[in-house]
């Protein structure tokens, strides 16, 4: 019983860490895109 609960908790923590890394990478990619794109001066 406890072993299964620990495994499920471990998987949940791993998923949360991966989601956090993906979100951070996406935010940084968006920041670089904004910083390196020429402004629209129309």
N, C-alpha and C. Protein backbone atom coordinates (compact mmCIF):
# COMPACT_ATOMS: atom_id res chain seq x y z
N UNK A 1 0.83 -1.20 0.00
CA UNK A 1 0.00 0.00 0.00
C UNK A 1 0.87 1.26 0.00
N UNK A 2 1.78 1.36 0.98
CA UNK A 2 2.63 2.55 1.06
C UNK A 2 3.58 2.66 -0.12
N UNK A 3 4.02 1.50 -0.61
CA UNK A 3 4.94 1.49 -1.74
C UNK A 3 4.26 2.10 -2.97
N UNK A 4 3.02 1.71 -3.21
CA UNK A 4 2.27 2.25 -4.34
C UNK A 4 2.05 3.75 -4.19
N UNK A 5 1.75 4.18 -2.98
CA UNK A 5 1.53 5.60 -2.72
C UNK A 5 2.81 6.40 -2.96
N UNK A 6 3.95 5.88 -2.53
CA UNK A 6 5.23 6.55 -2.77
C UNK A 6 5.56 6.61 -4.26
N UNK A 7 5.26 5.55 -4.98
CA UNK A 7 5.51 5.54 -6.43
C UNK A 7 4.64 6.58 -7.13
N UNK A 8 3.38 6.64 -6.77
CA UNK A 8 2.47 7.62 -7.36
C UNK A 8 2.92 9.04 -7.03
N UNK A 9 3.33 9.26 -5.79
CA UNK A 9 3.81 10.58 -5.39
C UNK A 9 5.09 10.93 -6.16
N UNK A 10 5.98 9.99 -6.32
CA UNK A 10 7.21 10.22 -7.08
C UNK A 10 6.94 10.56 -8.53
N UNK A 11 6.01 9.85 -9.13
CA UNK A 11 5.64 10.14 -10.52
C UNK A 11 5.01 11.54 -10.61
N UNK A 12 4.19 11.89 -9.65
CA UNK A 12 3.58 13.21 -9.63
C UNK A 12 4.61 14.32 -9.51
N UNK A 13 5.60 14.12 -8.67
CA UNK A 13 6.68 15.12 -8.52
C UNK A 13 7.48 15.21 -9.81
N UNK A 14 7.77 14.09 -10.43
CA UNK A 14 8.52 14.09 -11.69
C UNK A 14 7.76 14.84 -12.78
N UNK A 15 6.47 14.61 -12.88
CA UNK A 15 5.64 15.30 -13.88
C UNK A 15 5.64 16.80 -13.60
N UNK A 16 5.53 17.19 -12.35
CA UNK A 16 5.53 18.61 -12.00
C UNK A 16 6.86 19.26 -12.37
N UNK A 17 7.98 18.58 -12.13
CA UNK A 17 9.28 19.14 -12.47
C UNK A 17 9.45 19.28 -13.98
N UNK A 18 9.01 18.29 -14.73
CA UNK A 18 9.10 18.37 -16.19
C UNK A 18 8.24 19.51 -16.71
N UNK A 19 7.04 19.66 -16.18
CA UNK A 19 6.15 20.74 -16.61
C UNK A 19 6.78 22.09 -16.29
N UNK A 20 7.42 22.21 -15.14
CA UNK A 20 8.07 23.48 -14.76
C UNK A 20 9.21 23.80 -15.72
N UNK A 21 10.02 22.79 -16.08
CA UNK A 21 11.13 23.01 -17.01
C UNK A 21 10.61 23.40 -18.39
N UNK A 22 9.55 22.76 -18.85
CA UNK A 22 8.98 23.10 -20.16
C UNK A 22 8.43 24.51 -20.17
N UNK A 23 7.76 24.90 -19.11
CA UNK A 23 7.20 26.25 -19.02
C UNK A 23 8.32 27.29 -19.00
N UNK A 24 9.40 27.01 -18.27
CA UNK A 24 10.53 27.94 -18.21
C UNK A 24 11.20 28.05 -19.57
N UNK A 25 11.36 26.94 -20.27
CA UNK A 25 11.98 26.97 -21.60
C UNK A 25 11.11 27.75 -22.57
N UNK A 26 9.81 27.57 -22.48
CA UNK A 26 8.88 28.29 -23.36
C UNK A 26 8.92 29.78 -23.07
N UNK A 27 8.96 30.15 -21.79
CA UNK A 27 9.04 31.56 -21.42
C UNK A 27 10.33 32.20 -21.94
N UNK A 28 11.44 31.48 -21.81
CA UNK A 28 12.71 32.03 -22.27
C UNK A 28 12.73 32.16 -23.79
N UNK A 29 12.15 31.18 -24.50
CA UNK A 29 12.08 31.25 -25.96
C UNK A 29 11.25 32.45 -26.39
N UNK A 30 10.15 32.70 -25.70
CA UNK A 30 9.31 33.86 -26.03
C UNK A 30 10.05 35.16 -25.75
N UNK A 31 10.82 35.21 -24.67
CA UNK A 31 11.59 36.40 -24.35
C UNK A 31 12.65 36.67 -25.42
N UNK A 32 13.37 35.62 -25.84
CA UNK A 32 14.38 35.79 -26.89
C UNK A 32 13.72 36.23 -28.19
N UNK A 33 12.58 35.68 -28.51
CA UNK A 33 11.88 36.07 -29.73
C UNK A 33 11.52 37.56 -29.68
N UNK A 34 11.02 37.99 -28.56
CA UNK A 34 10.65 39.41 -28.40
C UNK A 34 11.89 40.30 -28.47
N UNK A 35 12.99 39.86 -27.90
CA UNK A 35 14.20 40.68 -27.85
C UNK A 35 14.89 40.76 -29.21
N UNK A 36 14.74 39.74 -30.04
CA UNK A 36 15.48 39.70 -31.30
C UNK A 36 14.62 40.03 -32.51
N UNK A 37 13.35 40.29 -32.32
CA UNK A 37 12.47 40.63 -33.43
C UNK A 37 12.44 42.15 -33.59
N UNK A 38 12.56 42.58 -34.82
CA UNK A 38 12.54 44.02 -35.08
C UNK A 38 11.16 44.58 -34.72
N UNK A 39 11.13 45.75 -34.12
CA UNK A 39 9.83 46.34 -33.77
C UNK A 39 9.05 46.76 -35.02
N UNK A 40 7.77 46.70 -34.92
CA UNK A 40 6.91 47.10 -36.03
C UNK A 40 6.63 48.60 -35.89
N UNK A 41 7.30 49.40 -36.70
CA UNK A 41 7.23 50.86 -36.57
C UNK A 41 6.34 51.51 -37.64
N UNK A 42 5.27 50.87 -37.99
CA UNK A 42 4.37 51.43 -39.01
C UNK A 42 3.57 52.56 -38.47
